[in-house]
N, C-alpha and C. Protein backbone atom coordinates (compact mmCIF):
# COMPACT_ATOMS: atom_id res chain seq x y z
N UNK A 1 208.20 -133.09 1.35
CA UNK A 1 207.05 -132.93 2.35
C UNK A 1 206.46 -134.15 2.66
N UNK A 2 206.47 -134.52 4.04
CA UNK A 2 205.70 -135.46 4.04
C UNK A 2 204.44 -135.50 4.69
N UNK A 3 203.34 -136.02 4.09
CA UNK A 3 202.13 -136.13 4.56
C UNK A 3 201.76 -136.67 5.74
N UNK A 4 202.21 -137.43 6.15
CA UNK A 4 202.29 -138.27 7.69
C UNK A 4 203.58 -138.56 8.32
N UNK A 5 203.76 -139.14 9.35
CA UNK A 5 204.94 -139.83 9.53
C UNK A 5 204.44 -141.09 10.66
N UNK A 6 205.24 -141.94 10.95
CA UNK A 6 205.19 -143.01 11.90
C UNK A 6 204.77 -142.64 13.05
N UNK A 7 205.57 -141.24 13.64
CA UNK A 7 205.63 -141.13 15.02
C UNK A 7 204.63 -140.68 15.53
N UNK A 8 203.50 -139.74 14.39
CA UNK A 8 202.27 -139.29 15.05
C UNK A 8 201.38 -140.13 14.68
N UNK A 9 201.56 -141.54 14.35
CA UNK A 9 199.93 -142.43 13.88
C UNK A 9 199.03 -142.45 15.13
N UNK A 10 199.24 -142.72 16.18
CA UNK A 10 198.90 -143.11 17.27
C UNK A 10 198.06 -141.64 17.61
N UNK A 11 198.01 -140.39 17.05
CA UNK A 11 197.09 -139.40 17.28
C UNK A 11 196.31 -139.08 16.33
N UNK A 12 196.10 -139.82 15.30
CA UNK A 12 195.02 -139.55 14.14
C UNK A 12 193.61 -139.79 14.56
N UNK A 13 193.51 -140.92 15.52
CA UNK A 13 192.04 -141.25 16.34
C UNK A 13 191.57 -139.94 16.84
N UNK A 14 192.52 -139.18 17.81
CA UNK A 14 192.00 -137.89 18.19
C UNK A 14 191.54 -136.91 17.49
N UNK A 15 192.48 -136.59 16.30
CA UNK A 15 192.59 -135.74 15.84
C UNK A 15 191.35 -135.60 14.89
N UNK A 16 190.68 -137.17 14.49
CA UNK A 16 189.91 -137.25 13.62
C UNK A 16 188.74 -137.00 14.43
N UNK A 17 188.50 -137.13 15.68
CA UNK A 17 187.29 -136.80 16.82
C UNK A 17 187.18 -134.98 16.89
N UNK A 18 188.32 -134.59 16.91
CA UNK A 18 188.84 -133.03 17.06
C UNK A 18 188.21 -132.17 16.10
N UNK A 19 188.33 -132.80 14.90
CA UNK A 19 188.09 -131.97 13.55
C UNK A 19 186.42 -132.30 13.84
N UNK A 20 186.08 -133.38 13.63
CA UNK A 20 184.33 -133.83 13.83
C UNK A 20 183.65 -132.64 14.76
N UNK A 21 184.40 -132.60 16.07
CA UNK A 21 183.93 -131.83 16.89
C UNK A 21 183.70 -130.20 16.78
N UNK A 22 184.84 -130.02 16.14
CA UNK A 22 185.23 -128.54 16.15
C UNK A 22 184.44 -127.99 14.99
N UNK A 23 184.01 -128.54 14.02
CA UNK A 23 182.64 -127.80 13.14
C UNK A 23 182.36 -128.72 12.01
N UNK A 24 181.73 -128.66 11.29
CA UNK A 24 181.15 -129.54 10.14
C UNK A 24 181.51 -129.30 9.35
N UNK A 25 182.62 -128.07 8.76
CA UNK A 25 182.88 -127.56 7.71
C UNK A 25 184.08 -128.39 7.08
N UNK A 26 183.84 -128.80 5.79
CA UNK A 26 184.58 -129.71 5.25
C UNK A 26 186.30 -129.27 5.29
N UNK A 27 186.52 -127.99 4.79
CA UNK A 27 187.70 -127.37 4.58
C UNK A 27 188.05 -127.50 5.95
N UNK A 28 187.50 -127.07 7.34
CA UNK A 28 187.87 -127.23 8.67
C UNK A 28 188.66 -128.82 8.85
N UNK A 29 188.03 -129.63 8.53
CA UNK A 29 188.43 -131.10 8.30
C UNK A 29 189.69 -131.16 7.99
N UNK A 30 189.81 -130.67 6.86
CA UNK A 30 191.20 -130.46 5.87
C UNK A 30 192.19 -130.12 6.62
N UNK A 31 192.07 -128.49 6.98
CA UNK A 31 193.01 -128.31 7.55
C UNK A 31 193.59 -128.82 8.76
N UNK A 32 192.82 -129.60 9.59
CA UNK A 32 193.25 -129.87 11.00
C UNK A 32 193.88 -131.57 10.45
N UNK A 33 193.71 -131.92 9.09
CA UNK A 33 194.48 -133.31 8.72
C UNK A 33 195.38 -132.78 7.72
N UNK A 34 195.99 -131.69 7.77
CA UNK A 34 197.09 -131.34 6.97
C UNK A 34 198.04 -131.38 7.74
N UNK A 35 199.19 -131.82 7.19
CA UNK A 35 200.25 -131.84 7.55
C UNK A 35 200.95 -130.83 8.13
N UNK A 36 200.64 -129.81 8.23
CA UNK A 36 200.69 -128.48 8.53
C UNK A 36 200.28 -128.55 10.25
N UNK A 37 199.19 -128.84 10.42
CA UNK A 37 198.41 -128.90 11.87
C UNK A 37 199.26 -130.08 12.53
N UNK A 38 199.37 -131.19 11.92
CA UNK A 38 200.39 -132.42 12.54
C UNK A 38 201.52 -131.87 13.13
N UNK A 39 202.26 -131.02 12.19
CA UNK A 39 203.85 -130.34 12.65
C UNK A 39 203.25 -130.05 13.89
N UNK A 40 202.64 -128.67 13.60
CA UNK A 40 202.33 -127.93 14.80
C UNK A 40 201.92 -128.79 16.07
N UNK A 41 201.09 -129.94 15.87
CA UNK A 41 200.71 -130.50 17.42
C UNK A 41 201.80 -131.30 17.66
N UNK A 42 202.69 -131.67 16.90
CA UNK A 42 203.70 -132.52 17.47
C UNK A 42 204.68 -131.30 18.26
N UNK A 43 205.10 -130.35 17.73
CA UNK A 43 206.03 -129.54 18.40
C UNK A 43 205.27 -128.80 19.33
N UNK A 44 204.11 -128.76 19.45
CA UNK A 44 203.38 -127.78 20.57
C UNK A 44 202.73 -128.78 21.71
N UNK A 45 202.26 -130.02 21.10
CA UNK A 45 201.40 -130.89 22.24
C UNK A 45 202.29 -131.50 23.10
N UNK A 46 201.73 -132.28 23.81
CA UNK A 46 202.27 -133.14 24.94
C UNK A 46 202.54 -134.67 24.49
N UNK A 47 202.78 -135.44 25.52
CA UNK A 47 203.04 -136.97 25.42
C UNK A 47 202.68 -137.34 26.62
N UNK A 48 201.83 -138.34 26.30
CA UNK A 48 201.05 -139.16 27.34
C UNK A 48 201.52 -140.87 27.33
N UNK A 49 201.75 -141.46 28.35
CA UNK A 49 201.53 -142.76 28.46
C UNK A 49 203.56 -143.24 28.75
N UNK A 50 203.57 -144.21 29.11
CA UNK A 50 204.96 -144.92 28.89
C UNK A 50 205.69 -144.94 27.62
N UNK A 51 204.86 -145.22 26.48
CA UNK A 51 205.00 -145.11 25.06
C UNK A 51 205.10 -143.43 24.50
N UNK A 52 205.01 -142.75 25.40
CA UNK A 52 205.00 -141.24 24.89
C UNK A 52 204.07 -140.94 23.86
N UNK A 53 203.09 -141.81 23.88
CA UNK A 53 202.39 -141.10 22.59
C UNK A 53 201.79 -139.74 22.44
N UNK A 54 201.61 -139.30 21.11
CA UNK A 54 201.44 -137.96 21.05
C UNK A 54 200.03 -137.42 21.52
N UNK A 55 199.96 -136.50 22.04
CA UNK A 55 198.69 -135.78 22.52
C UNK A 55 198.14 -134.08 21.98
N UNK A 56 196.98 -134.03 21.51
CA UNK A 56 196.94 -133.00 20.94
C UNK A 56 196.50 -131.78 22.31
N UNK A 57 197.16 -130.95 22.61
CA UNK A 57 196.78 -130.26 23.92
C UNK A 57 195.61 -129.17 23.76
N UNK A 58 194.67 -128.75 24.31
CA UNK A 58 193.70 -127.65 23.84
C UNK A 58 194.33 -126.37 24.10
N UNK A 59 194.94 -126.41 25.46
CA UNK A 59 195.77 -124.84 25.52
C UNK A 59 197.02 -124.44 24.59
N UNK A 60 197.73 -125.71 24.48
CA UNK A 60 198.88 -125.35 23.63
C UNK A 60 198.93 -125.48 22.54
N UNK A 61 198.02 -126.34 21.82
CA UNK A 61 197.90 -126.83 20.44
C UNK A 61 196.65 -126.14 19.80
N UNK A 62 195.74 -126.54 20.11
CA UNK A 62 194.16 -126.13 19.44
C UNK A 62 194.09 -124.86 19.33
N UNK A 63 194.25 -123.86 20.75
CA UNK A 63 194.10 -122.71 20.81
C UNK A 63 194.96 -121.67 19.95
N UNK A 64 196.37 -122.60 19.90
CA UNK A 64 197.46 -121.61 19.21
C UNK A 64 197.40 -121.95 18.17
N UNK A 65 196.96 -122.89 17.50
CA UNK A 65 196.86 -123.29 15.99
C UNK A 65 196.22 -121.92 15.23
N UNK A 66 196.99 -121.22 14.13
CA UNK A 66 196.40 -120.38 13.15
C UNK A 66 195.77 -120.82 11.80
N UNK A 67 194.63 -120.57 11.85
CA UNK A 67 193.74 -120.81 10.44
C UNK A 67 194.00 -119.59 9.65
N UNK A 68 193.83 -120.17 8.21
CA UNK A 68 194.24 -119.20 7.12
C UNK A 68 193.31 -117.51 7.51
N UNK A 69 194.25 -116.54 7.10
CA UNK A 69 193.49 -115.42 7.30
C UNK A 69 192.01 -115.20 6.40
N UNK A 70 190.93 -115.14 6.84
CA UNK A 70 189.63 -114.98 6.34
C UNK A 70 188.89 -116.39 6.31
N UNK A 71 189.72 -117.02 6.92
CA UNK A 71 188.85 -118.37 7.16
C UNK A 71 189.06 -118.86 8.73
N UNK A 72 188.93 -118.08 9.55
CA UNK A 72 189.09 -118.22 11.12
C UNK A 72 187.60 -118.83 11.40
N UNK A 73 187.75 -119.54 12.64
CA UNK A 73 186.60 -120.13 13.22
C UNK A 73 185.35 -119.12 13.72
N UNK A 74 185.81 -117.77 13.79
CA UNK A 74 184.98 -117.04 14.33
C UNK A 74 184.00 -116.31 13.12
N UNK A 75 184.34 -116.82 12.07
CA UNK A 75 183.69 -116.45 11.05
C UNK A 75 182.73 -117.63 10.54
N UNK A 76 181.49 -117.36 10.29
CA UNK A 76 180.62 -118.37 10.05
C UNK A 76 181.00 -119.24 8.82
N UNK A 77 180.91 -120.31 8.66
CA UNK A 77 180.94 -121.17 7.25
C UNK A 77 180.65 -120.68 6.31
N UNK A 78 179.28 -120.39 6.16
CA UNK A 78 178.30 -119.59 5.06
C UNK A 78 179.04 -118.49 4.35
N UNK A 79 179.64 -117.65 5.09
CA UNK A 79 180.35 -116.58 5.25
C UNK A 79 181.48 -116.81 3.63
N UNK A 80 182.28 -117.65 4.02
CA UNK A 80 183.04 -118.07 3.07
C UNK A 80 183.07 -119.39 2.17
N UNK A 81 181.54 -119.74 1.79
CA UNK A 81 181.40 -120.64 1.24
C UNK A 81 181.74 -120.90 -0.37
N UNK A 82 181.97 -119.73 -0.75
CA UNK A 82 182.02 -119.39 -2.25
C UNK A 82 183.92 -119.26 -2.10
N UNK A 83 184.32 -119.37 -1.27
CA UNK A 83 186.19 -118.94 -1.15
C UNK A 83 186.61 -120.20 -2.01
N UNK A 84 187.28 -120.09 -3.05
CA UNK A 84 187.85 -121.10 -3.94
C UNK A 84 189.23 -121.74 -3.15
N UNK A 85 189.67 -121.23 -1.93
CA UNK A 85 190.58 -121.65 -0.97
C UNK A 85 189.79 -122.64 -0.21
N UNK A 86 188.80 -122.35 0.36
CA UNK A 86 187.87 -123.28 1.38
C UNK A 86 187.24 -124.45 0.14
N UNK A 87 187.16 -124.02 -1.07
CA UNK A 87 186.37 -125.06 -1.60
C UNK A 87 187.47 -126.30 -2.04
N UNK A 88 188.76 -125.56 -2.94
CA UNK A 88 189.35 -126.64 -2.76
C UNK A 88 189.75 -127.45 -1.88
N UNK A 89 190.12 -127.01 -0.68
CA UNK A 89 190.71 -127.87 0.71
C UNK A 89 189.61 -128.79 1.11
N UNK A 90 188.45 -128.31 1.12
CA UNK A 90 187.05 -128.94 1.34
C UNK A 90 187.04 -130.17 0.38
N UNK A 91 186.95 -129.95 -0.97
CA UNK A 91 187.23 -131.27 -1.79
C UNK A 91 188.25 -132.26 -1.40
N UNK A 92 189.24 -131.80 -1.32
CA UNK A 92 190.48 -132.77 -0.83
C UNK A 92 190.19 -133.15 0.43
N UNK A 93 189.70 -132.91 1.47
CA UNK A 93 189.07 -133.46 2.50
C UNK A 93 187.95 -134.55 2.33
N UNK A 94 187.18 -133.88 1.85
CA UNK A 94 186.02 -135.25 1.34
C UNK A 94 186.85 -136.22 0.92
N UNK A 95 187.45 -136.28 -0.13
CA UNK A 95 187.96 -137.35 -0.62
C UNK A 95 188.95 -138.25 -0.13
N UNK A 96 189.55 -137.27 0.97
CA UNK A 96 190.38 -138.30 1.90
C UNK A 96 189.60 -138.92 3.02
N UNK A 97 188.63 -138.20 3.50
CA UNK A 97 187.53 -138.75 4.35
C UNK A 97 186.66 -140.11 3.69
N UNK A 98 186.26 -140.04 2.46
CA UNK A 98 185.65 -140.95 1.62
C UNK A 98 186.63 -142.15 1.51
N UNK A 99 187.82 -142.24 1.10
CA UNK A 99 188.73 -143.20 1.38
C UNK A 99 188.98 -143.91 2.20
N UNK A 100 189.24 -143.31 3.44
CA UNK A 100 189.50 -143.75 4.73
C UNK A 100 188.25 -144.51 5.13
N UNK A 101 186.97 -143.88 5.22
CA UNK A 101 185.56 -144.82 5.22
C UNK A 101 185.24 -145.94 4.43
N UNK A 102 185.65 -145.95 3.29
CA UNK A 102 185.69 -147.11 2.31
C UNK A 102 186.68 -148.04 2.86
N UNK A 103 187.74 -147.67 3.52
CA UNK A 103 188.51 -148.79 4.15
C UNK A 103 188.00 -149.46 5.48
N UNK A 104 187.67 -148.39 6.06
CA UNK A 104 187.38 -148.94 7.85
C UNK A 104 186.41 -149.69 7.36
N UNK A 105 185.32 -149.55 6.57
CA UNK A 105 183.79 -150.15 6.63
C UNK A 105 183.69 -150.45 5.08
N UNK A 106 184.37 -151.67 4.57
CA UNK A 106 184.36 -152.02 3.31
C UNK A 106 183.17 -152.93 3.05
N UNK A 107 182.72 -152.75 1.77
CA UNK A 107 181.10 -153.32 1.46
C UNK A 107 181.06 -154.95 1.40
N UNK A 108 182.11 -155.70 1.46
CA UNK A 108 182.45 -156.86 1.44
C UNK A 108 182.30 -157.34 3.08
N UNK A 109 182.25 -156.88 3.95
CA UNK A 109 182.83 -157.16 5.02
C UNK A 109 181.03 -156.51 5.80
N UNK A 110 180.40 -155.85 5.45
CA UNK A 110 179.45 -155.27 6.18
C UNK A 110 178.07 -154.02 5.45
N UNK A 111 177.17 -153.97 5.96
CA UNK A 111 176.69 -152.80 5.18
C UNK A 111 176.08 -151.69 6.52
N UNK A 112 175.18 -150.62 5.71
CA UNK A 112 175.13 -149.82 6.60
C UNK A 112 173.62 -149.81 7.09
N UNK A 113 173.34 -149.53 8.39
CA UNK A 113 171.82 -149.98 8.83
C UNK A 113 171.51 -148.54 9.65
N UNK A 114 170.43 -148.15 9.90
CA UNK A 114 170.20 -146.85 10.67
C UNK A 114 170.14 -147.34 12.27
N UNK A 115 170.51 -146.63 12.88
CA UNK A 115 171.01 -146.80 14.04
C UNK A 115 169.47 -146.83 15.09
N UNK A 116 169.37 -147.49 16.11
CA UNK A 116 168.25 -147.30 17.07
C UNK A 116 168.16 -146.11 17.81
N UNK A 117 166.96 -145.22 17.32
CA UNK A 117 166.81 -144.00 18.20
C UNK A 117 165.89 -144.15 19.42
N UNK A 118 166.40 -143.81 20.43
CA UNK A 118 165.53 -144.32 21.79
C UNK A 118 164.25 -143.22 21.75
N UNK A 119 163.06 -143.54 22.19
CA UNK A 119 161.79 -142.99 22.37
C UNK A 119 162.54 -141.16 22.99
N UNK A 120 161.83 -140.29 22.48
CA UNK A 120 162.17 -138.97 23.36
C UNK A 120 161.17 -138.47 24.31
N UNK A 121 161.59 -138.13 25.36
CA UNK A 121 160.77 -137.57 26.52
C UNK A 121 159.97 -136.52 26.01
N UNK A 122 158.39 -136.69 26.68
CA UNK A 122 157.60 -135.69 26.47
C UNK A 122 158.00 -134.21 26.12
N UNK A 123 158.06 -133.35 25.07
CA UNK A 123 158.57 -132.23 24.66
C UNK A 123 159.78 -132.20 24.34
N UNK A 124 160.50 -133.17 24.07
CA UNK A 124 161.75 -132.97 23.89
C UNK A 124 161.86 -133.46 22.25
N UNK A 125 162.87 -133.43 21.37
CA UNK A 125 163.11 -133.55 20.06
C UNK A 125 163.68 -135.00 20.01
N UNK A 126 163.41 -135.79 19.46
CA UNK A 126 164.27 -137.07 19.08
C UNK A 126 165.65 -136.96 18.66
N UNK A 127 166.62 -137.77 19.57
CA UNK A 127 167.82 -137.68 19.41
C UNK A 127 167.94 -138.22 18.07
N UNK A 128 169.23 -137.57 16.97
CA UNK A 128 169.65 -137.97 15.55
C UNK A 128 171.09 -138.94 16.21
N UNK A 129 170.97 -139.90 15.63
CA UNK A 129 172.15 -140.68 15.28
C UNK A 129 172.68 -141.22 14.14
N UNK A 130 173.97 -141.14 13.81
CA UNK A 130 174.51 -141.70 12.65
C UNK A 130 174.03 -143.21 12.49
N UNK A 131 173.97 -143.50 11.11
CA UNK A 131 173.86 -145.11 11.05
C UNK A 131 175.07 -145.53 11.09
N UNK A 132 174.78 -146.92 11.62
CA UNK A 132 176.09 -147.87 12.15
C UNK A 132 176.25 -148.96 10.85
N UNK A 133 177.58 -149.45 10.83
CA UNK A 133 178.17 -150.53 9.95
C UNK A 133 177.95 -151.82 10.90
N UNK A 134 177.01 -152.46 10.06
CA UNK A 134 176.75 -153.69 10.77
C UNK A 134 177.50 -155.11 9.72
N UNK A 135 178.40 -155.68 10.66
CA UNK A 135 179.11 -156.73 10.31
C UNK A 135 178.31 -157.68 9.61
N UNK A 136 178.60 -158.41 8.46
CA UNK A 136 177.76 -159.51 7.74
C UNK A 136 178.09 -160.85 8.13
N UNK A 137 178.71 -161.01 8.66
CA UNK A 137 178.98 -162.53 9.55
C UNK A 137 179.80 -162.31 10.72
N UNK A 138 180.08 -163.14 11.48
CA UNK A 138 181.12 -163.29 12.81
C UNK A 138 182.34 -163.02 12.44
N UNK A 139 182.73 -163.94 11.41
CA UNK A 139 184.08 -163.69 10.72
C UNK A 139 184.39 -162.13 10.32
N UNK A 140 183.55 -161.80 9.75
CA UNK A 140 183.55 -160.05 9.31
C UNK A 140 183.66 -159.10 10.44
N UNK A 141 183.02 -159.71 11.33
CA UNK A 141 183.27 -158.74 12.57
C UNK A 141 184.59 -158.56 13.35
N UNK A 142 185.27 -159.60 13.28
CA UNK A 142 186.52 -160.28 13.91
C UNK A 142 187.31 -159.00 12.81
N UNK A 143 187.08 -159.01 11.53
CA UNK A 143 188.46 -158.50 10.55
C UNK A 143 188.05 -156.66 10.81
N UNK A 144 186.70 -156.62 11.12
CA UNK A 144 186.46 -155.08 11.16
C UNK A 144 186.91 -154.56 12.13
N UNK A 145 187.14 -155.42 13.34
CA UNK A 145 187.93 -154.96 14.72
C UNK A 145 189.42 -154.44 14.34
N UNK A 146 189.95 -155.24 13.34
CA UNK A 146 191.40 -154.88 12.95
C UNK A 146 191.72 -153.57 12.15
N UNK A 147 190.09 -152.96 11.41
CA UNK A 147 190.44 -151.62 10.70
C UNK A 147 189.92 -150.86 11.59
N UNK A 148 191.21 -150.14 12.01
CA UNK A 148 191.20 -149.00 12.63
C UNK A 148 191.94 -147.76 11.75
N UNK A 149 191.96 -146.57 12.34
CA UNK A 149 192.60 -145.47 11.67
C UNK A 149 194.20 -145.80 12.17
N UNK A 150 194.30 -146.24 13.17
CA UNK A 150 195.77 -146.46 13.63
C UNK A 150 196.48 -147.45 12.73
N UNK A 151 195.89 -148.89 12.55
CA UNK A 151 196.15 -149.68 11.62
C UNK A 151 196.45 -149.39 10.28
N UNK A 152 195.34 -148.66 9.65
CA UNK A 152 195.62 -148.07 8.39
C UNK A 152 196.91 -147.26 8.14
N UNK A 153 197.13 -146.08 9.09
CA UNK A 153 198.36 -145.52 9.01
C UNK A 153 199.73 -145.97 8.95
N UNK A 154 199.51 -147.03 9.96
CA UNK A 154 200.63 -147.89 10.17
C UNK A 154 201.18 -148.74 9.00
N UNK A 155 200.07 -148.91 8.12
CA UNK A 155 200.20 -149.74 6.66
C UNK A 155 200.86 -148.93 5.61
N UNK A 156 200.76 -147.61 5.74
CA UNK A 156 201.44 -146.61 5.14
C UNK A 156 201.39 -146.82 3.38
N UNK A 157 199.76 -146.92 3.00
CA UNK A 157 199.77 -147.40 1.82
C UNK A 157 199.57 -146.25 0.70
N UNK A 158 199.77 -146.34 -0.50
CA UNK A 158 200.15 -145.40 -1.47
C UNK A 158 198.91 -144.50 -1.20
N UNK A 159 197.67 -144.95 -1.74
CA UNK A 159 196.68 -144.12 -2.03
C UNK A 159 196.47 -143.30 -0.60
N UNK A 160 196.69 -143.52 0.43
CA UNK A 160 196.87 -142.69 1.56
C UNK A 160 197.74 -141.36 1.57
N UNK A 161 198.80 -142.06 0.92
CA UNK A 161 200.04 -140.88 0.84
C UNK A 161 199.58 -140.19 -0.01
N UNK A 162 199.15 -140.36 -1.44
CA UNK A 162 198.68 -139.19 -2.13
C UNK A 162 197.28 -138.43 -2.16
N UNK A 163 196.51 -139.00 -1.13
CA UNK A 163 195.54 -138.12 -0.84
C UNK A 163 195.77 -136.94 0.47
N UNK A 164 196.81 -137.50 1.29
CA UNK A 164 197.42 -136.59 2.20
C UNK A 164 198.19 -135.54 1.31
N UNK A 165 198.84 -135.89 0.43
CA UNK A 165 199.66 -135.05 -0.44
C UNK A 165 198.76 -134.12 -1.22
N UNK A 166 197.57 -134.28 -1.67
CA UNK A 166 196.63 -133.74 -2.26
C UNK A 166 196.21 -132.58 -1.20
N UNK A 167 196.09 -132.85 -0.29
CA UNK A 167 195.58 -132.43 0.90
C UNK A 167 196.43 -131.22 1.21
N UNK A 168 197.70 -131.59 1.63
CA UNK A 168 198.65 -130.82 1.84
C UNK A 168 198.73 -129.73 0.93
N UNK A 169 198.66 -129.54 -0.54
CA UNK A 169 198.79 -129.24 -1.39
C UNK A 169 197.71 -127.76 -1.44
N UNK A 170 196.41 -128.16 -0.97
CA UNK A 170 195.36 -127.36 -1.35
C UNK A 170 195.74 -126.54 0.43
N UNK A 171 196.31 -126.98 1.42
CA UNK A 171 196.04 -126.53 2.33
C UNK A 171 197.11 -125.29 2.56
N UNK A 172 198.26 -125.59 1.72
CA UNK A 172 199.25 -124.52 1.57
C UNK A 172 198.73 -123.64 0.59
N UNK A 173 198.02 -124.17 -0.31
CA UNK A 173 197.48 -122.53 -1.08
C UNK A 173 196.53 -121.96 -0.30
N UNK A 174 195.64 -122.24 0.89
CA UNK A 174 194.91 -121.66 1.68
C UNK A 174 195.38 -120.54 2.52
N UNK A 175 196.89 -120.91 2.87
CA UNK A 175 197.21 -120.00 3.75
C UNK A 175 198.39 -119.22 2.79
N UNK A 176 198.42 -119.17 1.32
CA UNK A 176 198.70 -118.29 0.41
C UNK A 176 200.36 -118.53 0.08
N UNK A 177 200.68 -120.23 0.52
CA UNK A 177 201.94 -120.17 0.12
C UNK A 177 202.30 -120.94 -1.17
N UNK A 178 203.43 -121.73 -1.13
CA UNK A 178 203.57 -122.31 -2.50
C UNK A 178 202.89 -123.78 -2.31
N UNK A 179 202.55 -124.45 -3.19
CA UNK A 179 201.77 -125.91 -3.00
C UNK A 179 202.73 -126.77 -2.24
N UNK A 180 204.24 -126.50 -2.51
CA UNK A 180 205.25 -127.34 -2.04
C UNK A 180 205.92 -126.89 -1.15
N UNK A 181 205.89 -126.92 0.18
CA UNK A 181 206.51 -126.27 1.03
C UNK A 181 207.19 -127.37 2.07
N UNK A 182 208.23 -126.82 2.69
CA UNK A 182 208.92 -127.81 3.78
C UNK A 182 208.33 -127.59 5.01
N UNK A 183 208.22 -128.58 5.71
CA UNK A 183 208.07 -128.74 7.27
C UNK A 183 208.46 -127.38 8.20
N UNK A 184 209.63 -127.01 8.14
CA UNK A 184 210.28 -126.13 8.85
C UNK A 184 209.76 -124.82 8.46
N UNK A 185 209.78 -124.82 7.01
CA UNK A 185 209.54 -123.23 6.68
C UNK A 185 208.02 -123.00 6.97
N UNK A 186 207.02 -124.08 6.88
CA UNK A 186 205.91 -123.83 7.29
C UNK A 186 205.54 -123.42 8.56
N UNK A 187 206.28 -124.59 9.58
CA UNK A 187 206.04 -123.95 11.05
C UNK A 187 206.25 -122.64 11.18
N UNK A 188 207.21 -121.99 10.44
CA UNK A 188 207.79 -120.81 10.85
C UNK A 188 206.95 -119.86 10.39
N UNK A 189 206.27 -120.00 9.39
CA UNK A 189 205.37 -118.91 8.74
C UNK A 189 203.75 -119.20 9.53
N UNK A 190 203.99 -120.47 10.46
CA UNK A 190 202.67 -120.53 11.28
C UNK A 190 202.71 -119.32 12.28
N UNK A 191 204.14 -119.80 12.87
CA UNK A 191 204.56 -119.06 14.24
C UNK A 191 204.40 -117.58 14.08
N UNK A 192 204.91 -117.11 13.17
CA UNK A 192 205.05 -115.60 12.85
C UNK A 192 203.36 -114.95 12.62
N UNK A 193 202.46 -115.85 11.74
CA UNK A 193 201.26 -115.61 11.49
C UNK A 193 200.49 -115.51 13.20
N UNK A 194 200.88 -116.74 14.01
CA UNK A 194 200.26 -116.72 15.10
C UNK A 194 200.58 -115.12 16.21
N UNK A 195 201.96 -114.97 16.07
CA UNK A 195 202.52 -113.86 16.67
C UNK A 195 201.96 -112.38 16.19
N UNK A 196 201.50 -112.41 14.92
CA UNK A 196 201.24 -111.21 14.57
C UNK A 196 199.56 -111.11 14.69
N UNK A 197 198.73 -112.37 14.65
CA UNK A 197 197.44 -112.21 14.88
C UNK A 197 196.97 -113.06 15.95
N UNK A 198 197.58 -112.37 17.06
CA UNK A 198 197.44 -112.96 18.39
C UNK A 198 195.66 -113.23 18.76
N UNK A 199 195.05 -112.07 18.11
CA UNK A 199 193.29 -112.39 18.52
C UNK A 199 192.60 -112.49 17.22
N UNK A 200 193.18 -113.34 16.09
CA UNK A 200 192.76 -113.44 14.76
C UNK A 200 191.36 -114.54 14.99
N UNK A 201 191.21 -115.28 16.10
CA UNK A 201 190.22 -116.75 15.90
C UNK A 201 191.41 -117.75 15.47
N UNK A 202 190.97 -118.90 16.14
CA UNK A 202 191.71 -120.26 15.76
C UNK A 202 190.42 -121.27 15.06
């Protein structure tokens, strides 16, 4: 089982945003970053541009992808916070996120500073912005521009491979599958689940 493939490296930026927007739950972040979601996206997604970059389609990919039974998006995250499946997947997802953030924003190149918050209009709540990573030097700023998710995945580092493998094993168990399962078998099971539960929530 391959945790990631070079053919889909250009879709990770979008998948990252999709996961963060979809929900703040770590286990959902993990499912959307698993090899199973990647394979589903590649087979049901679309292609964009001259280079045929992969693209997750809302209608054909996101809305059809089946989440594990009992952990669908129409169930509040607090209702399954104690579910061991969600806990394990969330832990693996947080570790993957931590490793990637550390590579994207290494301490030797910069530091985190509070983002400037604009003054709120009368009667409105102040907007909340995440902290931003401030380069230490001009040279550091140039190096940080090269630290993107696409470049990271194209380097195919072992620690990234291991983190994805750990996440894939956790995600497989979340679906009630063996920890190690082939791509074709996993896709077939996802399709069968999708057909059996057309209104289960995604």
